[in-house]
PDB file of N, CA and C in Angstrom:
ATOM      1  N   UNK A   1      -2.643  48.910  22.904  1.00  0.00           N
ATOM      2  CA  UNK A   1      -1.451  48.037  22.565  1.00  0.00           C
ATOM      3  C   UNK A   1      -0.589  48.925  21.823  1.00  0.00           C
ATOM      4  N   UNK A   2       0.684  49.053  22.306  1.00  0.00           N
ATOM      5  CA  UNK A   2       1.689  49.927  21.652  1.00  0.00           C
ATOM      6  C   UNK A   2       2.440  49.260  20.591  1.00  0.00           C
ATOM      7  N   UNK A   3       2.131  48.059  20.151  1.00  0.00           N
ATOM      8  CA  UNK A   3       2.959  47.373  19.136  1.00  0.00           C
ATOM      9  C   UNK A   3       4.115  46.492  19.617  1.00  0.00           C
ATOM     10  N   UNK A   4       4.295  46.562  20.927  1.00  0.00           N
ATOM     11  CA  UNK A   4       5.415  45.829  21.472  1.00  0.00           C
ATOM     12  C   UNK A   4       5.397  44.247  21.242  1.00  0.00           C
ATOM     13  N   UNK A   5       4.076  43.865  21.495  1.00  0.00           N
ATOM     14  CA  UNK A   5       3.847  42.407  21.331  1.00  0.00           C
ATOM     15  C   UNK A   5       3.972  41.939  19.827  1.00  0.00           C
ATOM     16  N   UNK A   6       3.682  42.937  18.874  1.00  0.00           N
ATOM     17  CA  UNK A   6       3.802  42.648  17.439  1.00  0.00           C
ATOM     18  C   UNK A   6       5.288  42.466  17.161  1.00  0.00           C
ATOM     19  N   UNK A   7       6.074  43.333  17.676  1.00  0.00           N
ATOM     20  CA  UNK A   7       7.545  43.350  17.468  1.00  0.00           C
ATOM     21  C   UNK A   7       8.120  42.077  17.937  1.00  0.00           C
ATOM     22  N   UNK A   8       7.753  41.656  19.181  1.00  0.00           N
ATOM     23  CA  UNK A   8       8.212  40.308  19.650  1.00  0.00           C
ATOM     24  C   UNK A   8       7.807  39.147  18.839  1.00  0.00           C
ATOM     25  N   UNK A   9       6.541  39.189  18.296  1.00  0.00           N
ATOM     26  CA  UNK A   9       6.049  38.182  17.564  1.00  0.00           C
ATOM     27  C   UNK A   9       6.721  38.037  16.283  1.00  0.00           C
ATOM     28  N   UNK A  10       7.018  39.183  15.643  1.00  0.00           N
ATOM     29  CA  UNK A  10       7.819  39.406  14.453  1.00  0.00           C
ATOM     30  C   UNK A  10       9.180  38.815  14.647  1.00  0.00           C
ATOM     31  N   UNK A  11       9.816  39.088  15.613  1.00  0.00           N
ATOM     32  CA  UNK A  11      11.218  38.676  15.837  1.00  0.00           C
ATOM     33  C   UNK A  11      11.230  37.131  16.139  1.00  0.00           C
ATOM     34  N   UNK A  12      10.227  36.531  16.838  1.00  0.00           N
ATOM     35  CA  UNK A  12      10.106  35.197  17.044  1.00  0.00           C
ATOM     36  C   UNK A  12       9.894  34.448  15.710  1.00  0.00           C
ATOM     37  N   UNK A  13       9.009  35.034  14.860  1.00  0.00           N
ATOM     38  CA  UNK A  13       8.706  34.438  13.551  1.00  0.00           C
ATOM     39  C   UNK A  13       9.965  34.459  12.597  1.00  0.00           C
ATOM     40  N   UNK A  14      10.775  35.596  12.680  1.00  0.00           N
ATOM     41  CA  UNK A  14      11.840  35.625  11.962  1.00  0.00           C
ATOM     42  C   UNK A  14      12.884  34.538  12.327  1.00  0.00           C
ATOM     43  N   UNK A  15      13.047  34.267  13.623  1.00  0.00           N
ATOM     44  CA  UNK A  15      13.985  33.282  14.038  1.00  0.00           C
ATOM     45  C   UNK A  15      13.505  31.849  13.578  1.00  0.00           C
ATOM     46  N   UNK A  16      12.090  31.627  13.705  1.00  0.00           N
ATOM     47  CA  UNK A  16      11.594  30.384  13.322  1.00  0.00           C
ATOM     48  C   UNK A  16      11.767  30.226  11.896  1.00  0.00           C
ATOM     49  N   UNK A  17      11.620  31.296  11.011  1.00  0.00           N
ATOM     50  CA  UNK A  17      11.876  31.215   9.663  1.00  0.00           C
ATOM     51  C   UNK A  17      13.325  30.801   9.287  1.00  0.00           C
ATOM     52  N   UNK A  18      14.221  31.341   9.960  1.00  0.00           N
ATOM     53  CA  UNK A  18      15.655  31.060   9.852  1.00  0.00           C
ATOM     54  C   UNK A  18      15.872  29.571  10.226  1.00  0.00           C
ATOM     55  N   UNK A  19      15.282  29.028  11.073  1.00  0.00           N
ATOM     56  CA  UNK A  19      15.359  27.642  11.579  1.00  0.00           C
ATOM     57  C   UNK A  19      14.809  26.705  10.515  1.00  0.00           C
ATOM     58  N   UNK A  20      13.688  27.096   9.850  1.00  0.00           N
ATOM     59  CA  UNK A  20      13.041  26.312   8.897  1.00  0.00           C
ATOM     60  C   UNK A  20      14.000  26.344   7.601  1.00  0.00           C
ATOM     61  N   UNK A  21      14.450  27.443   7.231  1.00  0.00           N
ATOM     62  CA  UNK A  21      15.312  27.537   6.104  1.00  0.00           C
ATOM     63  C   UNK A  21      16.695  26.711   6.294  1.00  0.00           C
ATOM     64  N   UNK A  22      17.173  26.735   7.486  1.00  0.00           N
ATOM     65  CA  UNK A  22      18.396  25.901   7.747  1.00  0.00           C
ATOM     66  C   UNK A  22      18.077  24.434   7.663  1.00  0.00           C
ATOM     67  N   UNK A  23      16.863  24.016   8.106  1.00  0.00           N
ATOM     68  CA  UNK A  23      16.522  22.611   8.065  1.00  0.00           C
ATOM     69  C   UNK A  23      16.244  22.210   6.590  1.00  0.00           C
ATOM     70  N   UNK A  24      15.621  23.207   5.786  1.00  0.00           N
ATOM     71  CA  UNK A  24      15.517  22.899   4.282  1.00  0.00           C
ATOM     72  C   UNK A  24      16.793  22.709   3.657  1.00  0.00           C
ATOM     73  N   UNK A  25      17.781  23.442   4.014  1.00  0.00           N
ATOM     74  CA  UNK A  25      19.084  23.341   3.411  1.00  0.00           C
ATOM     75  C   UNK A  25      19.759  21.988   3.814  1.00  0.00           C
ATOM     76  N   UNK A  26      19.639  21.613   5.067  1.00  0.00           N
ATOM     77  CA  UNK A  26      20.146  20.389   5.526  1.00  0.00           C
ATOM     78  C   UNK A  26      19.319  19.178   4.809  1.00  0.00           C
ATOM     79  N   UNK A  27      18.055  19.269   4.670  1.00  0.00           N
ATOM     80  CA  UNK A  27      17.395  18.274   3.891  1.00  0.00           C
ATOM     81  C   UNK A  27      17.698  18.126   2.434  1.00  0.00           C
ATOM     82  N   UNK A  28      17.984  19.305   1.893  1.00  0.00           N
ATOM     83  CA  UNK A  28      18.450  19.380   0.434  1.00  0.00           C
ATOM     84  C   UNK A  28      19.773  18.611   0.342  1.00  0.00           C
ATOM     85  N   UNK A  29      20.723  18.807   1.246  1.00  0.00           N
ATOM     86  CA  UNK A  29      22.021  18.194   1.229  1.00  0.00           C
ATOM     87  C   UNK A  29      21.774  16.572   1.419  1.00  0.00           C
ATOM     88  N   UNK A  30      20.942  16.180   2.371  1.00  0.00           N
ATOM     89  CA  UNK A  30      20.706  14.850   2.667  1.00  0.00           C
ATOM     90  C   UNK A  30      20.042  14.077   1.336  1.00  0.00           C
ATOM     91  N   UNK A  31      19.165  14.885   0.643  1.00  0.00           N
ATOM     92  CA  UNK A  31      18.526  14.328  -0.518  1.00  0.00           C
ATOM     93  C   UNK A  31      19.571  14.134  -1.634  1.00  0.00           C
ATOM     94  N   UNK A  32      20.486  15.052  -1.804  1.00  0.00           N
ATOM     95  CA  UNK A  32      21.472  15.007  -2.789  1.00  0.00           C
ATOM     96  C   UNK A  32      22.397  13.679  -2.438  1.00  0.00           C
ATOM     97  N   UNK A  33      22.842  13.520  -1.244  1.00  0.00           N
ATOM     98  CA  UNK A  33      23.701  12.375  -0.927  1.00  0.00           C
ATOM     99  C   UNK A  33      22.925  11.089  -1.120  1.00  0.00           C
ATOM    100  N   UNK A  34      21.749  11.028  -0.657  1.00  0.00           N
ATOM    101  CA  UNK A  34      20.956   9.792  -0.754  1.00  0.00           C
ATOM    102  C   UNK A  34      20.619   9.465  -2.168  1.00  0.00           C
ATOM    103  N   UNK A  35      20.407  10.503  -3.058  1.00  0.00           N
ATOM    104  CA  UNK A  35      20.191  10.270  -4.453  1.00  0.00           C
ATOM    105  C   UNK A  35      21.392   9.675  -5.067  1.00  0.00           C
ATOM    106  N   UNK A  36      22.562  10.286  -4.859  1.00  0.00           N
ATOM    107  CA  UNK A  36      23.885   9.676  -5.343  1.00  0.00           C
ATOM    108  C   UNK A  36      24.106   8.306  -4.910  1.00  0.00           C
ATOM    109  N   UNK A  37      23.826   7.957  -3.578  1.00  0.00           N
ATOM    110  CA  UNK A  37      23.873   6.633  -3.063  1.00  0.00           C
ATOM    111  C   UNK A  37      23.138   5.659  -3.839  1.00  0.00           C
ATOM    112  N   UNK A  38      21.802   6.038  -3.966  1.00  0.00           N
ATOM    113  CA  UNK A  38      20.834   5.199  -4.789  1.00  0.00           C
ATOM    114  C   UNK A  38      21.241   4.971  -6.240  1.00  0.00           C
ATOM    115  N   UNK A  39      21.810   5.915  -6.817  1.00  0.00           N
ATOM    116  CA  UNK A  39      22.281   5.942  -8.159  1.00  0.00           C
ATOM    117  C   UNK A  39      23.519   5.009  -8.252  1.00  0.00           C
ATOM    118  N   UNK A  40      24.345   5.213  -7.123  1.00  0.00           N
ATOM    119  CA  UNK A  40      25.668   4.154  -7.121  1.00  0.00           C
ATOM    120  C   UNK A  40      25.172   2.723  -6.939  1.00  0.00           C
ATOM    121  N   UNK A  41      24.136   2.556  -6.171  1.00  0.00           N
ATOM    122  CA  UNK A  41      23.624   1.253  -5.965  1.00  0.00           C
ATOM    123  C   UNK A  41      23.180   0.488  -7.424  1.00  0.00           C
ATOM    124  N   UNK A  42      22.602   1.340  -8.139  1.00  0.00           N
ATOM    125  CA  UNK A  42      21.965   0.821  -9.415  1.00  0.00           C
ATOM    126  C   UNK A  42      23.159   0.616 -10.534  1.00  0.00           C
ATOM    127  N   UNK A  43      24.267   1.484 -10.249  1.00  0.00           N
ATOM    128  CA  UNK A  43      25.278   1.532 -11.229  1.00  0.00           C
ATOM    129  C   UNK A  43      26.284   0.557 -10.904  1.00  0.00           C
ATOM    130  N   UNK A  44      26.398  -0.122  -9.689  1.00  0.00           N
ATOM    131  CA  UNK A  44      27.479  -0.993  -9.331  1.00  0.00           C
ATOM    132  C   UNK A  44      27.546  -2.199 -10.120  1.00  0.00           C
ATOM    133  N   UNK A  45      28.863  -2.598 -10.221  1.00  0.00           N
ATOM    134  CA  UNK A  45      29.161  -3.844 -10.970  1.00  0.00           C
ATOM    135  C   UNK A  45      30.081  -4.706 -10.232  1.00  0.00           C
ATOM    136  N   UNK A  46      30.041  -6.010 -10.541  1.00  0.00           N
ATOM    137  CA  UNK A  46      30.988  -6.944  -9.882  1.00  0.00           C
ATOM    138  C   UNK A  46      30.684  -7.127  -8.469  1.00  0.00           C
ATOM    139  N   UNK A  47      31.857  -7.347  -7.783  1.00  0.00           N
ATOM    140  CA  UNK A  47      31.723  -7.715  -6.253  1.00  0.00           C
ATOM    141  C   UNK A  47      31.897  -6.519  -5.435  1.00  0.00           C
ATOM    142  N   UNK A  48      31.444  -5.293  -5.886  1.00  0.00           N
ATOM    143  CA  UNK A  48      31.569  -4.157  -4.971  1.00  0.00           C
ATOM    144  C   UNK A  48      30.507  -4.303  -3.957  1.00  0.00           C
ATOM    145  N   UNK A  49      30.999  -3.884  -2.797  1.00  0.00           N
ATOM    146  CA  UNK A  49      30.001  -3.869  -1.641  1.00  0.00           C
ATOM    147  C   UNK A  49      28.936  -2.771  -1.886  1.00  0.00           C
ATOM    148  N   UNK A  50      27.825  -2.920  -1.171  1.00  0.00           N
ATOM    149  CA  UNK A  50      26.620  -2.031  -1.407  1.00  0.00           C
ATOM    150  C   UNK A  50      27.127  -0.546  -0.955  1.00  0.00           C
ATOM    151  N   UNK A  51      27.140   0.435  -1.770  1.00  0.00           N
ATOM    152  CA  UNK A  51      27.458   1.797  -1.369  1.00  0.00           C
ATOM    153  C   UNK A  51      26.667   2.424  -0.186  1.00  0.00           C
ATOM    154  N   UNK A  52      25.462   2.067  -0.172  1.00  0.00           N
ATOM    155  CA  UNK A  52      24.359   2.396   0.895  1.00  0.00           C
ATOM    156  C   UNK A  52      25.025   2.069   2.198  1.00  0.00           C
ATOM    157  N   UNK A  53      25.250   0.611   2.252  1.00  0.00           N
ATOM    158  CA  UNK A  53      25.657   0.026   3.512  1.00  0.00           C
ATOM    159  C   UNK A  53      27.088   0.658   3.910  1.00  0.00           C
ATOM    160  N   UNK A  54      28.057   0.600   2.942  1.00  0.00           N
ATOM    161  CA  UNK A  54      29.387   1.192   3.213  1.00  0.00           C
ATOM    162  C   UNK A  54      29.243   2.655   3.771  1.00  0.00           C
ATOM    163  N   UNK A  55      28.410   3.487   3.268  1.00  0.00           N
ATOM    164  CA  UNK A  55      28.230   4.874   3.690  1.00  0.00           C
ATOM    165  C   UNK A  55      27.579   4.908   5.100  1.00  0.00           C
ATOM    166  N   UNK A  56      26.618   4.010   5.314  1.00  0.00           N
ATOM    167  CA  UNK A  56      26.120   3.985   6.759  1.00  0.00           C
ATOM    168  C   UNK A  56      27.059   3.497   7.824  1.00  0.00           C
ATOM    169  N   UNK A  57      28.041   2.645   7.317  1.00  0.00           N
ATOM    170  CA  UNK A  57      29.194   2.138   8.184  1.00  0.00           C
ATOM    171  C   UNK A  57      30.340   3.146   8.431  1.00  0.00           C
ATOM    172  N   UNK A  58      30.144   4.226   7.666  1.00  0.00           N
ATOM    173  CA  UNK A  58      31.231   5.334   7.768  1.00  0.00           C
ATOM    174  C   UNK A  58      32.411   5.143   6.760  1.00  0.00           C
ATOM    175  N   UNK A  59      32.265   4.067   5.823  1.00  0.00           N
ATOM    176  CA  UNK A  59      33.378   4.022   4.969  1.00  0.00           C
ATOM    177  C   UNK A  59      33.390   5.210   3.832  1.00  0.00           C
ATOM    178  N   UNK A  60      34.693   5.637   3.474  1.00  0.00           N
ATOM    179  CA  UNK A  60      34.652   6.701   2.602  1.00  0.00           C
ATOM    180  C   UNK A  60      34.352   6.267   1.151  1.00  0.00           C
ATOM    181  N   UNK A  61      34.778   5.147   0.781  1.00  0.00           N
ATOM    182  CA  UNK A  61      34.378   4.433  -0.469  1.00  0.00           C
ATOM    183  C   UNK A  61      34.001   3.092  -0.237  1.00  0.00           C
ATOM    184  N   UNK A  62      33.037   2.529  -1.022  1.00  0.00           N
ATOM    185  CA  UNK A  62      32.804   1.101  -0.842  1.00  0.00           C
ATOM    186  C   UNK A  62      34.027   0.186  -1.140  1.00  0.00           C
ATOM    187  N   UNK A  63      34.147  -0.879  -0.585  1.00  0.00           N
ATOM    188  CA  UNK A  63      35.202  -1.767  -0.769  1.00  0.00           C
ATOM    189  C   UNK A  63      35.068  -2.212  -2.236  1.00  0.00           C
ATOM    190  N   UNK A  64      36.305  -2.240  -2.930  1.00  0.00           N
ATOM    191  CA  UNK A  64      36.342  -2.805  -4.159  1.00  0.00           C
ATOM    192  C   UNK A  64      35.985  -1.732  -5.296  1.00  0.00           C
ATOM    193  N   UNK A  65      35.665  -0.530  -4.823  1.00  0.00           N
ATOM    194  CA  UNK A  65      35.488   0.507  -5.766  1.00  0.00           C
ATOM    195  C   UNK A  65      36.470   0.873  -6.768  1.00  0.00           C
ATOM    196  N   UNK A  66      37.695   0.725  -6.241  1.00  0.00           N
ATOM    197  CA  UNK A  66      38.926   0.986  -7.082  1.00  0.00           C
ATOM    198  C   UNK A  66      39.101  -0.084  -8.216  1.00  0.00           C
ATOM    199  N   UNK A  67      38.439  -1.184  -7.948  1.00  0.00           N
ATOM    200  CA  UNK A  67      38.563  -2.264  -8.899  1.00  0.00           C
ATOM    201  C   UNK A  67      37.641  -2.211 -10.171  1.00  0.00           C
ATOM    202  N   UNK A  68      36.846  -1.250 -10.194  1.00  0.00           N
ATOM    203  CA  UNK A  68      35.858  -1.167 -11.333  1.00  0.00           C
ATOM    204  C   UNK A  68      36.550  -0.376 -12.427  1.00  0.00           C
TER     205      UNK A  68
END
């Protein structure tokens, strides 16, 4: 064996590692957003719509958020 397969395996592993790191970054972003939404749910007052539902429906801000 001249090491060719080892180089190929190393290259493949490096690409997989990059994929894993990108996924971890995406998951960390999602965790931050979900944590903020959960906090907003617990902190809401009055007749403000649920921030989780508003976010899932694509609204930038929950309805009535400016009334708080």
